[in-house]
Amino acid sequence: MDLNLISIVNTIYEIPLGKAQLNSFLSNPRNFETYMPGVRELKYLKTDETGTKHYIWNLKIDIPLLDPVDLKIPTEFIREDKEGKATTIRYFSKDNTDENQMLCHLEIREIDSDSTEVNMYLKLVIKKVADQFYPLIAILGDSIIQAQMKTKMNHITESFLQQGVQAIYSEMGNFEPRIEMA
């Protein structure tokens, strides 16, 4: 059975932190492991000759109506800083038509010294899962599973940013950050 479940989340958040603090937090892969639900491990593999870092994301995603889905997705990491422009942070899979794929693209723009806008685009393409899922997918249909995945991924992104900002605020001695969707 061919499988091609795609879920995309594209949301803009207003974060009550300066850009430098948020850049530092989002550039550290350990923070994705610690604060992003579903990320079991973000394993560093190597840095290639161009300076690109390679990781494997080990994910366990709870999708309603299915057992948790375990995924291992190889990605590359790139951070681009341009003076006076948004910082871009990307974890992305090379386009390999037979494998599960992920793109986590973050654009970070300073609003003012205490507020930053984050445009988070998260795409997950599932092409391989354990055999026990195929009968359920056939019965329920791709669209129902994809809708459930999108709902779960929205929760994951919001939880990650909220928990991350709370951790940064705790380090600063403050405890009541509020993240707003822009």
C-alpha atoms as a PDB file:
ATOM      1  CA  MET A   1       0.000   0.000   0.000  1.00  0.00           C
ATOM      2  CA  ASP A   2       1.343   3.412  -0.947  1.00  0.00           C
ATOM      3  CA  LEU A   3       1.300   5.833   1.943  1.00  0.00           C
ATOM      4  CA  ASN A   4       1.716   9.580   1.769  1.00  0.00           C
ATOM      5  CA  LEU A   5       0.368  11.290   4.889  1.00  0.00           C
ATOM      6  CA  ILE A   6       1.214  14.987   4.895  1.00  0.00           C
ATOM      7  CA  SER A   7       0.647  17.441   7.696  1.00  0.00           C
ATOM      8  CA  ILE A   8       1.581  21.118   7.592  1.00  0.00           C
ATOM      9  CA  VAL A   9       1.470  23.744  10.318  1.00  0.00           C
ATOM     10  CA  ASN A  10       2.248  27.336   9.359  1.00  0.00           C
ATOM     11  CA  THR A  11       1.688  29.756  12.230  1.00  0.00           C
ATOM     12  CA  ILE A  12       3.085  33.096  13.334  1.00  0.00           C
ATOM     13  CA  TYR A  13       3.678  33.597  17.045  1.00  0.00           C
ATOM     14  CA  GLU A  14       4.549  36.746  18.952  1.00  0.00           C
ATOM     15  CA  ILE A  15       7.043  35.791  21.646  1.00  0.00           C
ATOM     16  CA  PRO A  16       7.675  38.111  24.638  1.00  0.00           C
ATOM     17  CA  LEU A  17      11.468  37.827  24.386  1.00  0.00           C
ATOM     18  CA  GLY A  18      14.272  39.615  22.585  1.00  0.00           C
ATOM     19  CA  LYS A  19      15.477  38.126  19.313  1.00  0.00           C
ATOM     20  CA  ALA A  20      18.970  37.224  20.612  1.00  0.00           C
ATOM     21  CA  GLN A  21      17.548  35.086  23.449  1.00  0.00           C
ATOM     22  CA  LEU A  22      15.131  33.327  21.140  1.00  0.00           C
ATOM     23  CA  ASN A  23      17.803  32.725  18.462  1.00  0.00           C
ATOM     24  CA  SER A  24      20.041  31.142  21.063  1.00  0.00           C
ATOM     25  CA  PHE A  25      17.245  28.895  22.346  1.00  0.00           C
ATOM     26  CA  LEU A  26      16.040  27.768  18.899  1.00  0.00           C
ATOM     27  CA  SER A  27      19.584  27.145  17.626  1.00  0.00           C
ATOM     28  CA  ASN A  28      20.260  24.584  20.355  1.00  0.00           C
ATOM     29  CA  PRO A  29      19.058  21.107  19.284  1.00  0.00           C
ATOM     30  CA  ARG A  30      18.897  19.936  22.909  1.00  0.00           C
ATOM     31  CA  ASN A  31      16.007  22.344  23.456  1.00  0.00           C
ATOM     32  CA  PHE A  32      13.930  20.515  20.842  1.00  0.00           C
ATOM     33  CA  GLU A  33      14.578  17.250  22.730  1.00  0.00           C
ATOM     34  CA  THR A  34      13.716  18.808  26.067  1.00  0.00           C
ATOM     35  CA  TYR A  35      10.706  20.967  25.216  1.00  0.00           C
ATOM     36  CA  MET A  36       9.088  19.648  22.014  1.00  0.00           C
ATOM     37  CA  PRO A  37       6.506  16.924  22.718  1.00  0.00           C
ATOM     38  CA  GLY A  38       7.119  13.811  20.663  1.00  0.00           C
ATOM     39  CA  VAL A  39      10.864  14.336  20.204  1.00  0.00           C
ATOM     40  CA  ARG A  40      12.638  11.485  21.930  1.00  0.00           C
ATOM     41  CA  GLU A  41      16.094  12.350  20.663  1.00  0.00           C
ATOM     42  CA  LEU A  42      17.801  14.677  18.226  1.00  0.00           C
ATOM     43  CA  LYS A  43      20.992  12.775  17.487  1.00  0.00           C
ATOM     44  CA  TYR A  44      23.951  14.620  15.994  1.00  0.00           C
ATOM     45  CA  LEU A  45      25.623  12.633  13.204  1.00  0.00           C
ATOM     46  CA  LYS A  46      28.257  14.842  11.582  1.00  0.00           C
ATOM     47  CA  THR A  47      29.183  18.200  10.132  1.00  0.00           C
ATOM     48  CA  ASP A  48      29.884  17.931   6.407  1.00  0.00           C
ATOM     49  CA  GLU A  49      32.509  19.775   4.363  1.00  0.00           C
ATOM     50  CA  THR A  50      30.130  22.725   3.781  1.00  0.00           C
ATOM     51  CA  GLY A  51      29.571  23.177   7.533  1.00  0.00           C
ATOM     52  CA  THR A  52      26.040  21.747   7.437  1.00  0.00           C
ATOM     53  CA  LYS A  53      25.185  19.724  10.540  1.00  0.00           C
ATOM     54  CA  HIS A  54      23.342  16.423  10.142  1.00  0.00           C
ATOM     55  CA  TYR A  55      20.928  14.992  12.718  1.00  0.00           C
ATOM     56  CA  ILE A  56      18.447  12.165  13.073  1.00  0.00           C
ATOM     57  CA  TRP A  57      15.150  13.067  14.708  1.00  0.00           C
ATOM     58  CA  ASN A  58      13.754  10.166  16.727  1.00  0.00           C
ATOM     59  CA  LEU A  59      10.048  10.937  17.115  1.00  0.00           C
ATOM     60  CA  LYS A  60       7.177   9.246  18.887  1.00  0.00           C
ATOM     61  CA  ILE A  61       3.972  10.969  17.894  1.00  0.00           C
ATOM     62  CA  ASP A  62       0.642  10.165  19.494  1.00  0.00           C
ATOM     63  CA  ILE A  63      -2.003  10.460  16.800  1.00  0.00           C
ATOM     64  CA  PRO A  64      -5.625  10.032  17.881  1.00  0.00           C
ATOM     65  CA  LEU A  65      -7.230   6.844  16.551  1.00  0.00           C
ATOM     66  CA  LEU A  66      -3.808   5.192  16.072  1.00  0.00           C
ATOM     67  CA  ASP A  67      -1.127   3.783  18.296  1.00  0.00           C
ATOM     68  CA  PRO A  68       1.868   6.110  18.719  1.00  0.00           C
ATOM     69  CA  VAL A  69       3.925   6.382  15.537  1.00  0.00           C
ATOM     70  CA  ASP A  70       7.696   5.931  15.873  1.00  0.00           C
ATOM     71  CA  LEU A  71       9.747   7.748  13.227  1.00  0.00           C
ATOM     72  CA  LYS A  72      13.437   8.274  12.581  1.00  0.00           C
ATOM     73  CA  ILE A  73      14.015  11.102  10.141  1.00  0.00           C
ATOM     74  CA  PRO A  74      17.450  12.238   8.947  1.00  0.00           C
ATOM     75  CA  THR A  75      17.756  16.003   8.586  1.00  0.00           C
ATOM     76  CA  GLU A  76      20.239  18.750   7.917  1.00  0.00           C
ATOM     77  CA  PHE A  77      20.468  21.910  10.050  1.00  0.00           C
ATOM     78  CA  ILE A  78      21.140  25.388   8.696  1.00  0.00           C
ATOM     79  CA  ARG A  79      21.009  28.755  10.443  1.00  0.00           C
ATOM     80  CA  GLU A  80      21.230  31.963   8.415  1.00  0.00           C
ATOM     81  CA  ASP A  81      21.735  35.347  10.055  1.00  0.00           C
ATOM     82  CA  LYS A  82      21.507  38.449   7.879  1.00  0.00           C
ATOM     83  CA  GLU A  83      22.021  41.927   9.272  1.00  0.00           C
ATOM     84  CA  GLY A  84      18.693  43.720   9.651  1.00  0.00           C
ATOM     85  CA  LYS A  85      16.699  40.709   8.414  1.00  0.00           C
ATOM     86  CA  ALA A  86      15.013  37.687   9.919  1.00  0.00           C
ATOM     87  CA  THR A  87      17.146  34.847  11.217  1.00  0.00           C
ATOM     88  CA  THR A  88      16.272  31.575   9.506  1.00  0.00           C
ATOM     89  CA  ILE A  89      16.677  28.217  11.225  1.00  0.00           C
ATOM     90  CA  ARG A  90      15.897  25.062   9.256  1.00  0.00           C
ATOM     91  CA  TYR A  91      15.951  21.362   9.959  1.00  0.00           C
ATOM     92  CA  PHE A  92      15.063  19.600   6.725  1.00  0.00           C
ATOM     93  CA  SER A  93      15.155  16.225   5.026  1.00  0.00           C
ATOM     94  CA  LYS A  94      16.666  15.800   1.615  1.00  0.00           C
ATOM     95  CA  ASP A  95      13.992  14.908  -0.915  1.00  0.00           C
ATOM     96  CA  ASN A  96      14.092  11.128  -0.783  1.00  0.00           C
ATOM     97  CA  THR A  97      10.866   9.809  -2.263  1.00  0.00           C
ATOM     98  CA  ASP A  98      10.821   6.569  -0.243  1.00  0.00           C
ATOM     99  CA  GLU A  99      11.505   7.937   3.236  1.00  0.00           C
ATOM    100  CA  ASN A 100       9.637   9.870   5.902  1.00  0.00           C
ATOM    101  CA  GLN A 101      10.455  13.564   5.650  1.00  0.00           C
ATOM    102  CA  MET A 102      10.355  16.640   7.831  1.00  0.00           C
ATOM    103  CA  LEU A 103      10.846  20.359   7.427  1.00  0.00           C
ATOM    104  CA  CYS A 104      11.018  22.655  10.441  1.00  0.00           C
ATOM    105  CA  HIS A 105      11.521  26.204   9.146  1.00  0.00           C
ATOM    106  CA  LEU A 106      11.654  29.105  11.599  1.00  0.00           C
ATOM    107  CA  GLU A 107      11.894  32.775  10.661  1.00  0.00           C
ATOM    108  CA  ILE A 108      12.670  34.994  13.636  1.00  0.00           C
ATOM    109  CA  ARG A 109      12.066  38.762  13.359  1.00  0.00           C
ATOM    110  CA  GLU A 110      12.553  41.337  16.066  1.00  0.00           C
ATOM    111  CA  ILE A 111       9.469  43.457  16.733  1.00  0.00           C
ATOM    112  CA  ASP A 112      11.184  45.463  19.481  1.00  0.00           C
ATOM    113  CA  SER A 113      13.791  44.759  22.169  1.00  0.00           C
ATOM    114  CA  ASP A 114      11.322  42.701  24.241  1.00  0.00           C
ATOM    115  CA  SER A 115       9.228  41.052  21.544  1.00  0.00           C
ATOM    116  CA  THR A 116       9.968  38.748  18.629  1.00  0.00           C
ATOM    117  CA  GLU A 117       7.841  37.279  15.867  1.00  0.00           C
ATOM    118  CA  VAL A 118       8.388  33.636  14.955  1.00  0.00           C
ATOM    119  CA  ASN A 119       6.951  32.218  11.750  1.00  0.00           C
ATOM    120  CA  MET A 120       6.998  28.453  12.274  1.00  0.00           C
ATOM    121  CA  TYR A 121       6.426  26.200   9.292  1.00  0.00           C
ATOM    122  CA  LEU A 122       6.422  22.523  10.185  1.00  0.00           C
ATOM    123  CA  LYS A 123       5.802  19.824   7.575  1.00  0.00           C
ATOM    124  CA  LEU A 124       5.793  16.108   8.213  1.00  0.00           C
ATOM    125  CA  VAL A 125       5.493  13.569   5.391  1.00  0.00           C
ATOM    126  CA  ILE A 126       4.953   9.992   6.507  1.00  0.00           C
ATOM    127  CA  LYS A 127       5.584   7.385   3.853  1.00  0.00           C
ATOM    128  CA  LYS A 128       6.544   4.441   6.041  1.00  0.00           C
ATOM    129  CA  VAL A 129       4.903   3.247   9.248  1.00  0.00           C
ATOM    130  CA  ALA A 130       4.608  -0.080  11.010  1.00  0.00           C
ATOM    131  CA  ASP A 131       2.471  -2.621   9.158  1.00  0.00           C
ATOM    132  CA  GLN A 132      -0.272  -2.619  11.808  1.00  0.00           C
ATOM    133  CA  PHE A 133      -1.286   0.929  10.780  1.00  0.00           C
ATOM    134  CA  TYR A 134      -2.191   0.156   7.185  1.00  0.00           C
ATOM    135  CA  PRO A 135      -5.593  -1.483   7.886  1.00  0.00           C
ATOM    136  CA  LEU A 136      -6.634   1.475  10.073  1.00  0.00           C
ATOM    137  CA  ILE A 137      -5.513   3.976   7.454  1.00  0.00           C
ATOM    138  CA  ALA A 138      -7.437   2.046   4.797  1.00  0.00           C
ATOM    139  CA  ILE A 139     -10.591   2.079   6.954  1.00  0.00           C
ATOM    140  CA  LEU A 140     -10.375   5.667   8.228  1.00  0.00           C
ATOM    141  CA  GLY A 141      -8.919   7.250   5.110  1.00  0.00           C
ATOM    142  CA  ASP A 142      -5.916   9.509   4.596  1.00  0.00           C
ATOM    143  CA  SER A 143      -7.857  12.746   5.104  1.00  0.00           C
ATOM    144  CA  ILE A 144      -9.048  11.830   8.617  1.00  0.00           C
ATOM    145  CA  ILE A 145      -5.551  10.740   9.672  1.00  0.00           C
ATOM    146  CA  GLN A 146      -3.997  13.879   8.150  1.00  0.00           C
ATOM    147  CA  ALA A 147      -6.512  16.100   9.987  1.00  0.00           C
ATOM    148  CA  GLN A 148      -5.633  14.345  13.254  1.00  0.00           C
ATOM    149  CA  MET A 149      -1.917  14.784  12.510  1.00  0.00           C
ATOM    150  CA  LYS A 150      -2.384  18.506  11.845  1.00  0.00           C
ATOM    151  CA  THR A 151      -4.238  18.968  15.145  1.00  0.00           C
ATOM    152  CA  LYS A 152      -1.473  17.107  16.969  1.00  0.00           C
ATOM    153  CA  MET A 153       1.283  19.087  15.237  1.00  0.00           C
ATOM    154  CA  ASN A 154      -0.411  22.390  16.143  1.00  0.00           C
ATOM    155  CA  HIS A 155      -0.392  21.253  19.756  1.00  0.00           C
ATOM    156  CA  ILE A 156       3.272  20.211  19.498  1.00  0.00           C
ATOM    157  CA  THR A 157       4.413  23.589  18.094  1.00  0.00           C
ATOM    158  CA  GLU A 158       2.444  25.631  20.628  1.00  0.00           C
ATOM    159  CA  SER A 159       3.621  23.466  23.529  1.00  0.00           C
ATOM    160  CA  PHE A 160       7.245  23.672  22.377  1.00  0.00           C
ATOM    161  CA  LEU A 161       7.260  27.453  22.183  1.00  0.00           C
ATOM    162  CA  GLN A 162       5.285  27.905  25.415  1.00  0.00           C
ATOM    163  CA  GLN A 163       7.509  25.521  27.396  1.00  0.00           C
ATOM    164  CA  GLY A 164      10.657  26.994  25.868  1.00  0.00           C
ATOM    165  CA  VAL A 165       9.680  30.556  26.684  1.00  0.00           C
ATOM    166  CA  GLN A 166       8.726  29.506  30.218  1.00  0.00           C
ATOM    167  CA  ALA A 167      12.155  27.907  30.642  1.00  0.00           C
ATOM    168  CA  ILE A 168      13.901  31.085  29.467  1.00  0.00           C
ATOM    169  CA  TYR A 169      11.723  33.235  31.742  1.00  0.00           C
ATOM    170  CA  SER A 170      12.465  30.931  34.681  1.00  0.00           C
ATOM    171  CA  GLU A 171      16.182  31.418  34.106  1.00  0.00           C
ATOM    172  CA  MET A 172      15.553  35.175  34.147  1.00  0.00           C
ATOM    173  CA  GLY A 173      13.494  34.951  37.368  1.00  0.00           C
ATOM    174  CA  ASN A 174      10.133  35.672  35.700  1.00  0.00           C
ATOM    175  CA  PHE A 175       7.323  33.127  35.487  1.00  0.00           C
ATOM    176  CA  GLU A 176       4.350  34.443  33.501  1.00  0.00           C
ATOM    177  CA  PRO A 177       5.134  34.654  29.782  1.00  0.00           C
ATOM    178  CA  ARG A 178       2.298  34.712  27.293  1.00  0.00           C
ATOM    179  CA  ILE A 179       2.685  33.664  23.694  1.00  0.00           C
ATOM    180  CA  GLU A 180       0.292  35.283  21.253  1.00  0.00           C
ATOM    181  CA  MET A 181      -0.584  34.046  17.799  1.00  0.00           C
ATOM    182  CA  ALA A 182       0.052  36.973  15.460  1.00  0.00           C
END
